[in-house]
Amino acid sequence: MDDESSLLAEMMLQAEVFCSRVETGANDLPEMPDRDELRLKLGQCRGFLAQLQERYDEDKLQMSNPLTAATFRQVVMSLMWVTFRAGRLVDYKLFRKLVQIESGFTYLLISRQRGKS
């Protein structure tokens, strides 16, 4: 496994941790106004992560693959919506995790573009 695949796998793990923490927090709170939308976005994120996990299992987790890049982009977007819908459930540490995932994805995209030039 190369560095790019390792970074993608680590970001997948961090995204799963993020989803789990938000979901646990949502279950512990009384009814939230945006609970259905939050659950929908969590489900979407987990679905995208499952698709990426399949690519990882097949040893095809590469940013050079447009499907992998697009799916990971969808993960990042879903995480941002989860953050928005979760509101006060997302503390500083959890938000920082989101920023790290997004910045890692951006780094891989920029590195990929530099490699093409």
PDB file of N, CA and C in Angstrom:
ATOM      1  N   MET A   1       0.851  -1.180   0.000  1.00  0.00           N
ATOM      2  CA  MET A   1       0.000   0.000   0.000  1.00  0.00           C
ATOM      3  C   MET A   1       0.893   1.239   0.000  1.00  0.00           C
ATOM      4  N   ASP A   2       0.600   2.161  -0.905  1.00  0.00           N
ATOM      5  CA  ASP A   2       1.406   3.379  -0.993  1.00  0.00           C
ATOM      6  C   ASP A   2       0.898   4.424   0.011  1.00  0.00           C
ATOM      7  N   ASP A   3       1.609   5.551   0.080  1.00  0.00           N
ATOM      8  CA  ASP A   3       1.266   6.606   1.043  1.00  0.00           C
ATOM      9  C   ASP A   3      -0.126   7.174   0.801  1.00  0.00           C
ATOM     10  N   GLU A   4      -0.482   7.335  -0.466  1.00  0.00           N
ATOM     11  CA  GLU A   4      -1.798   7.887  -0.807  1.00  0.00           C
ATOM     12  C   GLU A   4      -2.917   6.985  -0.293  1.00  0.00           C
ATOM     13  N   SER A   5      -2.795   5.693  -0.528  1.00  0.00           N
ATOM     14  CA  SER A   5      -3.807   4.748  -0.061  1.00  0.00           C
ATOM     15  C   SER A   5      -3.862   4.701   1.463  1.00  0.00           C
ATOM     16  N   SER A   6      -2.697   4.798   2.092  1.00  0.00           N
ATOM     17  CA  SER A   6      -2.650   4.801   3.559  1.00  0.00           C
ATOM     18  C   SER A   6      -3.369   6.019   4.120  1.00  0.00           C
ATOM     19  N   LEU A   7      -3.140   7.178   3.497  1.00  0.00           N
ATOM     20  CA  LEU A   7      -3.803   8.399   3.955  1.00  0.00           C
ATOM     21  C   LEU A   7      -5.317   8.309   3.743  1.00  0.00           C
ATOM     22  N   LEU A   8      -5.736   7.795   2.605  1.00  0.00           N
ATOM     23  CA  LEU A   8      -7.172   7.622   2.357  1.00  0.00           C
ATOM     24  C   LEU A   8      -7.799   6.666   3.369  1.00  0.00           C
ATOM     25  N   ALA A   9      -7.113   5.575   3.657  1.00  0.00           N
ATOM     26  CA  ALA A   9      -7.628   4.607   4.634  1.00  0.00           C
ATOM     27  C   ALA A   9      -7.738   5.241   6.018  1.00  0.00           C
ATOM     28  N   GLU A  10      -6.744   6.033   6.401  1.00  0.00           N
ATOM     29  CA  GLU A  10      -6.787   6.710   7.702  1.00  0.00           C
ATOM     30  C   GLU A  10      -7.934   7.710   7.753  1.00  0.00           C
ATOM     31  N   MET A  11      -8.149   8.436   6.663  1.00  0.00           N
ATOM     32  CA  MET A  11      -9.252   9.402   6.633  1.00  0.00           C
ATOM     33  C   MET A  11     -10.600   8.685   6.685  1.00  0.00           C
ATOM     34  N   MET A  12     -10.683   7.515   6.059  1.00  0.00           N
ATOM     35  CA  MET A  12     -11.921   6.718   6.149  1.00  0.00           C
ATOM     36  C   MET A  12     -12.196   6.325   7.598  1.00  0.00           C
ATOM     37  N   LEU A  13     -11.166   5.887   8.286  1.00  0.00           N
ATOM     38  CA  LEU A  13     -11.300   5.508   9.691  1.00  0.00           C
ATOM     39  C   LEU A  13     -11.742   6.700  10.533  1.00  0.00           C
ATOM     40  N   GLN A  14     -11.116   7.851  10.315  1.00  0.00           N
ATOM     41  CA  GLN A  14     -11.479   9.049  11.071  1.00  0.00           C
ATOM     42  C   GLN A  14     -12.910   9.489  10.768  1.00  0.00           C
ATOM     43  N   ALA A  15     -13.349   9.335   9.518  1.00  0.00           N
ATOM     44  CA  ALA A  15     -14.726   9.673   9.161  1.00  0.00           C
ATOM     45  C   ALA A  15     -15.708   8.747   9.873  1.00  0.00           C
ATOM     46  N   GLU A  16     -15.367   7.488   9.984  1.00  0.00           N
ATOM     47  CA  GLU A  16     -16.230   6.541  10.694  1.00  0.00           C
ATOM     48  C   GLU A  16     -16.297   6.880  12.180  1.00  0.00           C
ATOM     49  N   VAL A  17     -15.164   7.240  12.768  1.00  0.00           N
ATOM     50  CA  VAL A  17     -15.132   7.659  14.174  1.00  0.00           C
ATOM     51  C   VAL A  17     -16.001   8.901  14.367  1.00  0.00           C
ATOM     52  N   PHE A  18     -15.884   9.847  13.461  1.00  0.00           N
ATOM     53  CA  PHE A  18     -16.684  11.071  13.505  1.00  0.00           C
ATOM     54  C   PHE A  18     -18.178  10.715  13.509  1.00  0.00           C
ATOM     55  N   CYS A  19     -18.589   9.885  12.556  1.00  0.00           N
ATOM     56  CA  CYS A  19     -20.003   9.493  12.469  1.00  0.00           C
ATOM     57  C   CYS A  19     -20.472   8.797  13.745  1.00  0.00           C
ATOM     58  N   SER A  20     -19.657   7.912  14.267  1.00  0.00           N
ATOM     59  CA  SER A  20     -20.030   7.176  15.479  1.00  0.00           C
ATOM     60  C   SER A  20     -20.215   8.103  16.674  1.00  0.00           C
ATOM     61  N   ARG A  21     -19.315   9.064  16.821  1.00  0.00           N
ATOM     62  CA  ARG A  21     -19.424   9.990  17.957  1.00  0.00           C
ATOM     63  C   ARG A  21     -20.660  10.873  17.844  1.00  0.00           C
ATOM     64  N   VAL A  22     -20.942  11.346  16.642  1.00  0.00           N
ATOM     65  CA  VAL A  22     -22.140  12.175  16.460  1.00  0.00           C
ATOM     66  C   VAL A  22     -23.394  11.338  16.720  1.00  0.00           C
ATOM     67  N   GLU A  23     -23.415  10.128  16.205  1.00  0.00           N
ATOM     68  CA  GLU A  23     -24.583   9.267  16.382  1.00  0.00           C
ATOM     69  C   GLU A  23     -24.807   8.931  17.855  1.00  0.00           C
ATOM     70  N   THR A  24     -23.745   8.650  18.567  1.00  0.00           N
ATOM     71  CA  THR A  24     -23.855   8.373  19.999  1.00  0.00           C
ATOM     72  C   THR A  24     -24.403   9.583  20.739  1.00  0.00           C
ATOM     73  N   GLY A  25     -23.893  10.747  20.393  1.00  0.00           N
ATOM     74  CA  GLY A  25     -24.373  11.974  21.029  1.00  0.00           C
ATOM     75  C   GLY A  25     -25.832  12.245  20.711  1.00  0.00           C
ATOM     76  N   ALA A  26     -26.245  11.970  19.481  1.00  0.00           N
ATOM     77  CA  ALA A  26     -27.634  12.200  19.072  1.00  0.00           C
ATOM     78  C   ALA A  26     -28.577  11.252  19.796  1.00  0.00           C
ATOM     79  N   ASN A  27     -28.123  10.032  20.053  1.00  0.00           N
ATOM     80  CA  ASN A  27     -28.959   9.056  20.759  1.00  0.00           C
ATOM     81  C   ASN A  27     -29.143   9.417  22.227  1.00  0.00           C
ATOM     82  N   ASP A  28     -28.176  10.129  22.794  1.00  0.00           N
ATOM     83  CA  ASP A  28     -28.228  10.491  24.207  1.00  0.00           C
ATOM     84  C   ASP A  28     -29.052  11.747  24.478  1.00  0.00           C
ATOM     85  N   LEU A  29     -29.371  12.490  23.436  1.00  0.00           N
ATOM     86  CA  LEU A  29     -30.121  13.735  23.601  1.00  0.00           C
ATOM     87  C   LEU A  29     -31.614  13.514  23.416  1.00  0.00           C
ATOM     88  N   PRO A  30     -32.406  14.398  24.011  1.00  0.00           N
ATOM     89  CA  PRO A  30     -33.836  14.326  23.724  1.00  0.00           C
ATOM     90  C   PRO A  30     -34.086  14.660  22.252  1.00  0.00           C
ATOM     91  N   GLU A  31     -35.294  14.519  21.815  1.00  0.00           N
ATOM     92  CA  GLU A  31     -35.649  14.753  20.409  1.00  0.00           C
ATOM     93  C   GLU A  31     -35.074  16.076  19.899  1.00  0.00           C
ATOM     94  N   MET A  32     -34.409  15.998  18.749  1.00  0.00           N
ATOM     95  CA  MET A  32     -33.828  17.178  18.105  1.00  0.00           C
ATOM     96  C   MET A  32     -34.685  17.540  16.896  1.00  0.00           C
ATOM     97  N   PRO A  33     -34.792  18.819  16.569  1.00  0.00           N
ATOM     98  CA  PRO A  33     -35.608  19.214  15.425  1.00  0.00           C
ATOM     99  C   PRO A  33     -35.104  18.640  14.099  1.00  0.00           C
ATOM    100  N   ASP A  34     -33.798  18.528  13.939  1.00  0.00           N
ATOM    101  CA  ASP A  34     -33.222  18.056  12.685  1.00  0.00           C
ATOM    102  C   ASP A  34     -32.757  16.599  12.758  1.00  0.00           C
ATOM    103  N   ARG A  35     -33.325  15.824  13.658  1.00  0.00           N
ATOM    104  CA  ARG A  35     -32.850  14.457  13.873  1.00  0.00           C
ATOM    105  C   ARG A  35     -32.965  13.593  12.616  1.00  0.00           C
ATOM    106  N   ASP A  36     -34.069  13.697  11.889  1.00  0.00           N
ATOM    107  CA  ASP A  36     -34.231  12.877  10.692  1.00  0.00           C
ATOM    108  C   ASP A  36     -33.194  13.215   9.626  1.00  0.00           C
ATOM    109  N   GLU A  37     -32.955  14.515   9.409  1.00  0.00           N
ATOM    110  CA  GLU A  37     -31.948  14.916   8.432  1.00  0.00           C
ATOM    111  C   GLU A  37     -30.554  14.480   8.873  1.00  0.00           C
ATOM    112  N   LEU A  38     -30.305  14.566  10.179  1.00  0.00           N
ATOM    113  CA  LEU A  38     -29.012  14.132  10.709  1.00  0.00           C
ATOM    114  C   LEU A  38     -28.816  12.643  10.458  1.00  0.00           C
ATOM    115  N   ARG A  39     -29.815  11.846  10.754  1.00  0.00           N
ATOM    116  CA  ARG A  39     -29.718  10.398  10.518  1.00  0.00           C
ATOM    117  C   ARG A  39     -29.559  10.075   9.036  1.00  0.00           C
ATOM    118  N   LEU A  40     -30.252  10.820   8.181  1.00  0.00           N
ATOM    119  CA  LEU A  40     -30.126  10.618   6.738  1.00  0.00           C
ATOM    120  C   LEU A  40     -28.693  10.883   6.283  1.00  0.00           C
ATOM    121  N   LYS A  41     -28.126  11.982   6.712  1.00  0.00           N
ATOM    122  CA  LYS A  41     -26.759  12.325   6.313  1.00  0.00           C
ATOM    123  C   LYS A  41     -25.742  11.345   6.894  1.00  0.00           C
ATOM    124  N   LEU A  42     -25.974  10.886   8.117  1.00  0.00           N
ATOM    125  CA  LEU A  42     -25.092   9.863   8.692  1.00  0.00           C
ATOM    126  C   LEU A  42     -25.167   8.578   7.869  1.00  0.00           C
ATOM    127  N   GLY A  43     -26.366   8.195   7.480  1.00  0.00           N
ATOM    128  CA  GLY A  43     -26.546   6.996   6.666  1.00  0.00           C
ATOM    129  C   GLY A  43     -25.873   7.132   5.307  1.00  0.00           C
ATOM    130  N   GLN A  44     -26.005   8.299   4.693  1.00  0.00           N
ATOM    131  CA  GLN A  44     -25.344   8.532   3.408  1.00  0.00           C
ATOM    132  C   GLN A  44     -23.832   8.438   3.551  1.00  0.00           C
ATOM    133  N   CYS A  45     -23.323   9.045   4.584  1.00  0.00           N
ATOM    134  CA  CYS A  45     -21.878   9.019   4.817  1.00  0.00           C
ATOM    135  C   CYS A  45     -21.393   7.583   5.015  1.00  0.00           C
ATOM    136  N   ARG A  46     -22.110   6.830   5.791  1.00  0.00           N
ATOM    137  CA  ARG A  46     -21.722   5.436   6.030  1.00  0.00           C
ATOM    138  C   ARG A  46     -21.823   4.604   4.749  1.00  0.00           C
ATOM    139  N   GLY A  47     -22.802   4.909   3.905  1.00  0.00           N
ATOM    140  CA  GLY A  47     -22.914   4.214   2.624  1.00  0.00           C
ATOM    141  C   GLY A  47     -21.718   4.496   1.723  1.00  0.00           C
ATOM    142  N   PHE A  48     -21.312   5.764   1.665  1.00  0.00           N
ATOM    143  CA  PHE A  48     -20.135   6.125   0.871  1.00  0.00           C
ATOM    144  C   PHE A  48     -18.873   5.472   1.445  1.00  0.00           C
ATOM    145  N   LEU A  49     -18.774   5.433   2.769  1.00  0.00           N
ATOM    146  CA  LEU A  49     -17.616   4.795   3.392  1.00  0.00           C
ATOM    147  C   LEU A  49     -17.584   3.301   3.084  1.00  0.00           C
ATOM    148  N   ALA A  50     -18.756   2.668   3.017  1.00  0.00           N
ATOM    149  CA  ALA A  50     -18.820   1.241   2.660  1.00  0.00           C
ATOM    150  C   ALA A  50     -18.324   1.025   1.225  1.00  0.00           C
ATOM    151  N   GLN A  51     -18.674   1.933   0.318  1.00  0.00           N
ATOM    152  CA  GLN A  51     -18.183   1.834  -1.062  1.00  0.00           C
ATOM    153  C   GLN A  51     -16.664   1.963  -1.105  1.00  0.00           C
ATOM    154  N   LEU A  52     -16.132   2.901  -0.331  1.00  0.00           N
ATOM    155  CA  LEU A  52     -14.675   3.066  -0.275  1.00  0.00           C
ATOM    156  C   LEU A  52     -14.006   1.853   0.360  1.00  0.00           C
ATOM    157  N   GLN A  53     -14.662   1.264   1.349  1.00  0.00           N
ATOM    158  CA  GLN A  53     -14.110   0.066   1.995  1.00  0.00           C
ATOM    159  C   GLN A  53     -14.004  -1.085   0.995  1.00  0.00           C
ATOM    160  N   GLU A  54     -14.998  -1.215   0.117  1.00  0.00           N
ATOM    161  CA  GLU A  54     -14.936  -2.240  -0.926  1.00  0.00           C
ATOM    162  C   GLU A  54     -13.735  -2.014  -1.838  1.00  0.00           C
ATOM    163  N   ARG A  55     -13.507  -0.757  -2.209  1.00  0.00           N
ATOM    164  CA  ARG A  55     -12.359  -0.439  -3.066  1.00  0.00           C
ATOM    165  C   ARG A  55     -11.050  -0.749  -2.328  1.00  0.00           C
ATOM    166  N   TYR A  56     -11.025  -0.465  -1.028  1.00  0.00           N
ATOM    167  CA  TYR A  56      -9.848  -0.762  -0.218  1.00  0.00           C
ATOM    168  C   TYR A  56      -9.602  -2.273  -0.177  1.00  0.00           C
ATOM    169  N   ASP A  57     -10.664  -3.035   0.036  1.00  0.00           N
ATOM    170  CA  ASP A  57     -10.540  -4.492   0.098  1.00  0.00           C
ATOM    171  C   ASP A  57     -10.037  -5.076  -1.218  1.00  0.00           C
ATOM    172  N   GLU A  58     -10.386  -4.430  -2.324  1.00  0.00           N
ATOM    173  CA  GLU A  58      -9.942  -4.871  -3.650  1.00  0.00           C
ATOM    174  C   GLU A  58      -8.572  -4.296  -4.012  1.00  0.00           C
ATOM    175  N   ASP A  59      -7.970  -3.542  -3.088  1.00  0.00           N
ATOM    176  CA  ASP A  59      -6.680  -2.872  -3.297  1.00  0.00           C
ATOM    177  C   ASP A  59      -6.745  -1.897  -4.468  1.00  0.00           C
ATOM    178  N   LYS A  60      -7.872  -1.175  -4.561  1.00  0.00           N
ATOM    179  CA  LYS A  60      -8.079  -0.200  -5.629  1.00  0.00           C
ATOM    180  C   LYS A  60      -8.384   1.186  -5.074  1.00  0.00           C
ATOM    181  N   LEU A  61      -7.944   1.459  -3.871  1.00  0.00           N
ATOM    182  CA  LEU A  61      -8.206   2.748  -3.234  1.00  0.00           C
ATOM    183  C   LEU A  61      -7.126   3.738  -3.662  1.00  0.00           C
ATOM    184  N   GLN A  62      -7.342   4.386  -4.792  1.00  0.00           N
ATOM    185  CA  GLN A  62      -6.387   5.330  -5.361  1.00  0.00           C
ATOM    186  C   GLN A  62      -7.114   6.593  -5.788  1.00  0.00           C
ATOM    187  N   MET A  63      -6.520   7.749  -5.525  1.00  0.00           N
ATOM    188  CA  MET A  63      -7.111   9.008  -5.973  1.00  0.00           C
ATOM    189  C   MET A  63      -7.070   9.127  -7.491  1.00  0.00           C
ATOM    190  N   SER A  64      -6.231   8.355  -8.130  1.00  0.00           N
ATOM    191  CA  SER A  64      -6.169   8.387  -9.588  1.00  0.00           C
ATOM    192  C   SER A  64      -7.439   7.814 -10.213  1.00  0.00           C
ATOM    193  N   ASN A  65      -8.193   7.072  -9.424  1.00  0.00           N
ATOM    194  CA  ASN A  65      -9.464   6.535  -9.894  1.00  0.00           C
ATOM    195  C   ASN A  65     -10.543   7.596  -9.668  1.00  0.00           C
ATOM    196  N   PRO A  66     -11.195   8.064 -10.736  1.00  0.00           N
ATOM    197  CA  PRO A  66     -12.209   9.122 -10.588  1.00  0.00           C
ATOM    198  C   PRO A  66     -13.362   8.736  -9.659  1.00  0.00           C
ATOM    199  N   LEU A  67     -13.751   7.459  -9.663  1.00  0.00           N
ATOM    200  CA  LEU A  67     -14.840   7.016  -8.790  1.00  0.00           C
ATOM    201  C   LEU A  67     -14.442   7.125  -7.320  1.00  0.00           C
ATOM    202  N   THR A  68     -13.217   6.763  -7.005  1.00  0.00           N
ATOM    203  CA  THR A  68     -12.732   6.879  -5.626  1.00  0.00           C
ATOM    204  C   THR A  68     -12.701   8.340  -5.188  1.00  0.00           C
ATOM    205  N   ALA A  69     -12.171   9.208  -6.038  1.00  0.00           N
ATOM    206  CA  ALA A  69     -12.094  10.633  -5.704  1.00  0.00           C
ATOM    207  C   ALA A  69     -13.488  11.223  -5.518  1.00  0.00           C
ATOM    208  N   ALA A  70     -14.413  10.870  -6.401  1.00  0.00           N
ATOM    209  CA  ALA A  70     -15.779  11.394  -6.306  1.00  0.00           C
ATOM    210  C   ALA A  70     -16.486  10.868  -5.050  1.00  0.00           C
ATOM    211  N   THR A  71     -16.283   9.608  -4.739  1.00  0.00           N
ATOM    212  CA  THR A  71     -16.913   9.032  -3.544  1.00  0.00           C
ATOM    213  C   THR A  71     -16.357   9.676  -2.287  1.00  0.00           C
ATOM    214  N   PHE A  72     -15.050   9.891  -2.252  1.00  0.00           N
ATOM    215  CA  PHE A  72     -14.484  10.532  -1.068  1.00  0.00           C
ATOM    216  C   PHE A  72     -14.959  11.973  -0.945  1.00  0.00           C
ATOM    217  N   ARG A  73     -15.135  12.627  -2.072  1.00  0.00           N
ATOM    218  CA  ARG A  73     -15.693  13.981  -2.051  1.00  0.00           C
ATOM    219  C   ARG A  73     -17.091  13.959  -1.443  1.00  0.00           C
ATOM    220  N   GLN A  74     -17.881  12.949  -1.774  1.00  0.00           N
ATOM    221  CA  GLN A  74     -19.225  12.808  -1.203  1.00  0.00           C
ATOM    222  C   GLN A  74     -19.167  12.558   0.307  1.00  0.00           C
ATOM    223  N   VAL A  75     -18.165  11.809   0.746  1.00  0.00           N
ATOM    224  CA  VAL A  75     -17.984  11.594   2.190  1.00  0.00           C
ATOM    225  C   VAL A  75     -17.753  12.932   2.882  1.00  0.00           C
ATOM    226  N   VAL A  76     -16.848  13.731   2.328  1.00  0.00           N
ATOM    227  CA  VAL A  76     -16.524  15.034   2.937  1.00  0.00           C
ATOM    228  C   VAL A  76     -17.777  15.913   2.981  1.00  0.00           C
ATOM    229  N   MET A  77     -18.514  15.957   1.885  1.00  0.00           N
ATOM    230  CA  MET A  77     -19.734  16.778   1.850  1.00  0.00           C
ATOM    231  C   MET A  77     -20.759  16.275   2.868  1.00  0.00           C
ATOM    232  N   SER A  78     -20.927  14.975   2.971  1.00  0.00           N
ATOM    233  CA  SER A  78     -21.867  14.411   3.953  1.00  0.00           C
ATOM    234  C   SER A  78     -21.443  14.755   5.375  1.00  0.00           C
ATOM    235  N   LEU A  79     -20.147  14.688   5.635  1.00  0.00           N
ATOM    236  CA  LEU A  79     -19.659  15.042   6.973  1.00  0.00           C
ATOM    237  C   LEU A  79     -19.940  16.505   7.300  1.00  0.00           C
ATOM    238  N   MET A  80     -19.818  17.359   6.302  1.00  0.00           N
ATOM    239  CA  MET A  80     -20.123  18.771   6.534  1.00  0.00           C
ATOM    240  C   MET A  80     -21.608  18.961   6.854  1.00  0.00           C
ATOM    241  N   TRP A  81     -22.476  18.244   6.147  1.00  0.00           N
ATOM    242  CA  TRP A  81     -23.905  18.329   6.446  1.00  0.00           C
ATOM    243  C   TRP A  81     -24.223  17.741   7.820  1.00  0.00           C
ATOM    244  N   VAL A  82     -23.543  16.660   8.169  1.00  0.00           N
ATOM    245  CA  VAL A  82     -23.730  16.081   9.508  1.00  0.00           C
ATOM    246  C   VAL A  82     -23.365  17.114  10.555  1.00  0.00           C
ATOM    247  N   THR A  83     -22.255  17.795  10.356  1.00  0.00           N
ATOM    248  CA  THR A  83     -21.811  18.829  11.295  1.00  0.00           C
ATOM    249  C   THR A  83     -22.851  19.931  11.418  1.00  0.00           C
ATOM    250  N   PHE A  84     -23.385  20.359  10.302  1.00  0.00           N
ATOM    251  CA  PHE A  84     -24.401  21.414  10.304  1.00  0.00           C
ATOM    252  C   PHE A  84     -25.657  20.950  11.044  1.00  0.00           C
ATOM    253  N   ARG A  85     -26.127  19.752  10.752  1.00  0.00           N
ATOM    254  CA  ARG A  85     -27.357  19.241  11.374  1.00  0.00           C
ATOM    255  C   ARG A  85     -27.160  18.860  12.839  1.00  0.00           C
ATOM    256  N   ALA A  86     -25.939  18.482  13.206  1.00  0.00           N
ATOM    257  CA  ALA A  86     -25.694  18.037  14.583  1.00  0.00           C
ATOM    258  C   ALA A  86     -25.633  19.198  15.561  1.00  0.00           C
ATOM    259  N   GLY A  87     -25.314  20.378  15.054  1.00  0.00           N
ATOM    260  CA  GLY A  87     -25.294  21.562  15.916  1.00  0.00           C
ATOM    261  C   GLY A  87     -24.364  21.422  17.091  1.00  0.00           C
ATOM    262  N   ARG A  88     -24.909  21.523  18.263  1.00  0.00           N
ATOM    263  CA  ARG A  88     -24.096  21.549  19.488  1.00  0.00           C
ATOM    264  C   ARG A  88     -23.451  20.213  19.841  1.00  0.00           C
ATOM    265  N   LEU A  89     -23.814  19.145  19.123  1.00  0.00           N
ATOM    266  CA  LEU A  89     -23.169  17.850  19.371  1.00  0.00           C
ATOM    267  C   LEU A  89     -21.706  17.840  18.931  1.00  0.00           C
ATOM    268  N   VAL A  90     -21.366  18.733  18.012  1.00  0.00           N
ATOM    269  CA  VAL A  90     -20.003  18.781  17.486  1.00  0.00           C
ATOM    270  C   VAL A  90     -19.196  19.787  18.292  1.00  0.00           C
ATOM    271  N   ASP A  91     -18.296  19.256  19.105  1.00  0.00           N
ATOM    272  CA  ASP A  91     -17.430  20.122  19.899  1.00  0.00           C
ATOM    273  C   ASP A  91     -16.157  20.450  19.108  1.00  0.00           C
ATOM    274  N   TYR A  92     -15.271  21.152  19.739  1.00  0.00           N
ATOM    275  CA  TYR A  92     -14.036  21.598  19.078  1.00  0.00           C
ATOM    276  C   TYR A  92     -13.229  20.420  18.548  1.00  0.00           C
ATOM    277  N   LYS A  93     -13.049  19.385  19.360  1.00  0.00           N
ATOM    278  CA  LYS A  93     -12.237  18.237  18.955  1.00  0.00           C
ATOM    279  C   LYS A  93     -12.852  17.516  17.758  1.00  0.00           C
ATOM    280  N   LEU A  94     -14.155  17.378  17.774  1.00  0.00           N
ATOM    281  CA  LEU A  94     -14.830  16.695  16.675  1.00  0.00           C
ATOM    282  C   LEU A  94     -14.790  17.543  15.399  1.00  0.00           C
ATOM    283  N   PHE A  95     -14.958  18.853  15.546  1.00  0.00           N
ATOM    284  CA  PHE A  95     -14.873  19.729  14.384  1.00  0.00           C
ATOM    285  C   PHE A  95     -13.459  19.703  13.807  1.00  0.00           C
ATOM    286  N   ARG A  96     -12.490  19.655  14.675  1.00  0.00           N
ATOM    287  CA  ARG A  96     -11.100  19.578  14.226  1.00  0.00           C
ATOM    288  C   ARG A  96     -10.854  18.309  13.414  1.00  0.00           C
ATOM    289  N   LYS A  97     -11.486  17.219  13.806  1.00  0.00           N
ATOM    290  CA  LYS A  97     -11.378  15.968  13.063  1.00  0.00           C
ATOM    291  C   LYS A  97     -11.931  16.143  11.650  1.00  0.00           C
ATOM    292  N   LEU A  98     -13.061  16.841  11.529  1.00  0.00           N
ATOM    293  CA  LEU A  98     -13.635  17.123  10.213  1.00  0.00           C
ATOM    294  C   LEU A  98     -12.663  17.945   9.366  1.00  0.00           C
ATOM    295  N   VAL A  99     -12.065  18.961   9.962  1.00  0.00           N
ATOM    296  CA  VAL A  99     -11.116  19.810   9.236  1.00  0.00           C
ATOM    297  C   VAL A  99      -9.916  18.984   8.783  1.00  0.00           C
ATOM    298  N   GLN A 100      -9.445  18.076   9.611  1.00  0.00           N
ATOM    299  CA  GLN A 100      -8.310  17.232   9.230  1.00  0.00           C
ATOM    300  C   GLN A 100      -8.665  16.316   8.059  1.00  0.00           C
ATOM    301  N   ILE A 101      -9.860  15.766   8.063  1.00  0.00           N
ATOM    302  CA  ILE A 101     -10.302  14.907   6.959  1.00  0.00           C
ATOM    303  C   ILE A 101     -10.374  15.716   5.669  1.00  0.00           C
ATOM    304  N   GLU A 102     -10.999  16.876   5.745  1.00  0.00           N
ATOM    305  CA  GLU A 102     -11.140  17.710   4.552  1.00  0.00           C
ATOM    306  C   GLU A 102      -9.788  18.184   4.045  1.00  0.00           C
ATOM    307  N   SER A 103      -8.906  18.577   4.929  1.00  0.00           N
ATOM    308  CA  SER A 103      -7.595  19.064   4.490  1.00  0.00           C
ATOM    309  C   SER A 103      -6.751  17.931   3.910  1.00  0.00           C
ATOM    310  N   GLY A 104      -6.888  16.733   4.451  1.00  0.00           N
ATOM    311  CA  GLY A 104      -6.187  15.576   3.882  1.00  0.00           C
ATOM    312  C   GLY A 104      -6.666  15.279   2.471  1.00  0.00           C
ATOM    313  N   PHE A 105      -7.972  15.363   2.255  1.00  0.00           N
ATOM    314  CA  PHE A 105      -8.544  15.153   0.936  1.00  0.00           C
ATOM    315  C   PHE A 105      -8.044  16.221  -0.040  1.00  0.00           C
ATOM    316  N   THR A 106      -8.045  17.466   0.393  1.00  0.00           N
ATOM    317  CA  THR A 106      -7.562  18.560  -0.446  1.00  0.00           C
ATOM    318  C   THR A 106      -6.084  18.372  -0.781  1.00  0.00           C
ATOM    319  N   TYR A 107      -5.300  17.956   0.197  1.00  0.00           N
ATOM    320  CA  TYR A 107      -3.878  17.692  -0.038  1.00  0.00           C
ATOM    321  C   TYR A 107      -3.697  16.639  -1.125  1.00  0.00           C
ATOM    322  N   LEU A 108      -4.465  15.561  -1.055  1.00  0.00           N
ATOM    323  CA  LEU A 108      -4.347  14.509  -2.062  1.00  0.00           C
ATOM    324  C   LEU A 108      -4.755  15.011  -3.447  1.00  0.00           C
ATOM    325  N   LEU A 109      -5.792  15.828  -3.501  1.00  0.00           N
ATOM    326  CA  LEU A 109      -6.214  16.378  -4.793  1.00  0.00           C
ATOM    327  C   LEU A 109      -5.139  17.286  -5.384  1.00  0.00           C
ATOM    328  N   ILE A 110      -4.562  18.137  -4.550  1.00  0.00           N
ATOM    329  CA  ILE A 110      -3.517  19.052  -5.023  1.00  0.00           C
ATOM    330  C   ILE A 110      -2.281  18.262  -5.447  1.00  0.00           C
ATOM    331  N   SER A 111      -1.893  17.269  -4.667  1.00  0.00           N
ATOM    332  CA  SER A 111      -0.734  16.439  -5.004  1.00  0.00           C
ATOM    333  C   SER A 111      -0.957  15.729  -6.327  1.00  0.00           C
ATOM    334  N   ARG A 112      -2.158  15.283  -6.534  1.00  0.00           N
ATOM    335  CA  ARG A 112      -2.514  14.582  -7.785  1.00  0.00           C
ATOM    336  C   ARG A 112      -2.375  15.536  -8.977  1.00  0.00           C
ATOM    337  N   GLN A 113      -2.837  16.770  -8.806  1.00  0.00           N
ATOM    338  CA  GLN A 113      -2.749  17.755  -9.884  1.00  0.00           C
ATOM    339  C   GLN A 113      -1.295  18.108 -10.187  1.00  0.00           C
ATOM    340  N   ARG A 114      -0.481  18.208  -9.165  1.00  0.00           N
ATOM    341  CA  ARG A 114       0.948  18.498  -9.379  1.00  0.00           C
ATOM    342  C   ARG A 114       1.631  17.377 -10.125  1.00  0.00           C
ATOM    343  N   GLY A 115       1.206  16.148  -9.832  1.00  0.00           N
ATOM    344  CA  GLY A 115       1.790  14.987 -10.508  1.00  0.00           C
ATOM    345  C   GLY A 115       1.440  14.931 -11.976  1.00  0.00           C
ATOM    346  N   LYS A 116       0.314  15.508 -12.358  1.00  0.00           N
ATOM    347  CA  LYS A 116      -0.102  15.518 -13.761  1.00  0.00           C
ATOM    348  C   LYS A 116       0.687  16.535 -14.580  1.00  0.00           C
ATOM    349  N   SER A 117       1.131  17.609 -13.915  1.00  0.00           N
ATOM    350  CA  SER A 117       1.801  18.703 -14.643  1.00  0.00           C
ATOM    351  C   SER A 117       3.160  18.312 -15.134  1.00  0.00           C
TER     352      SER A 117
END
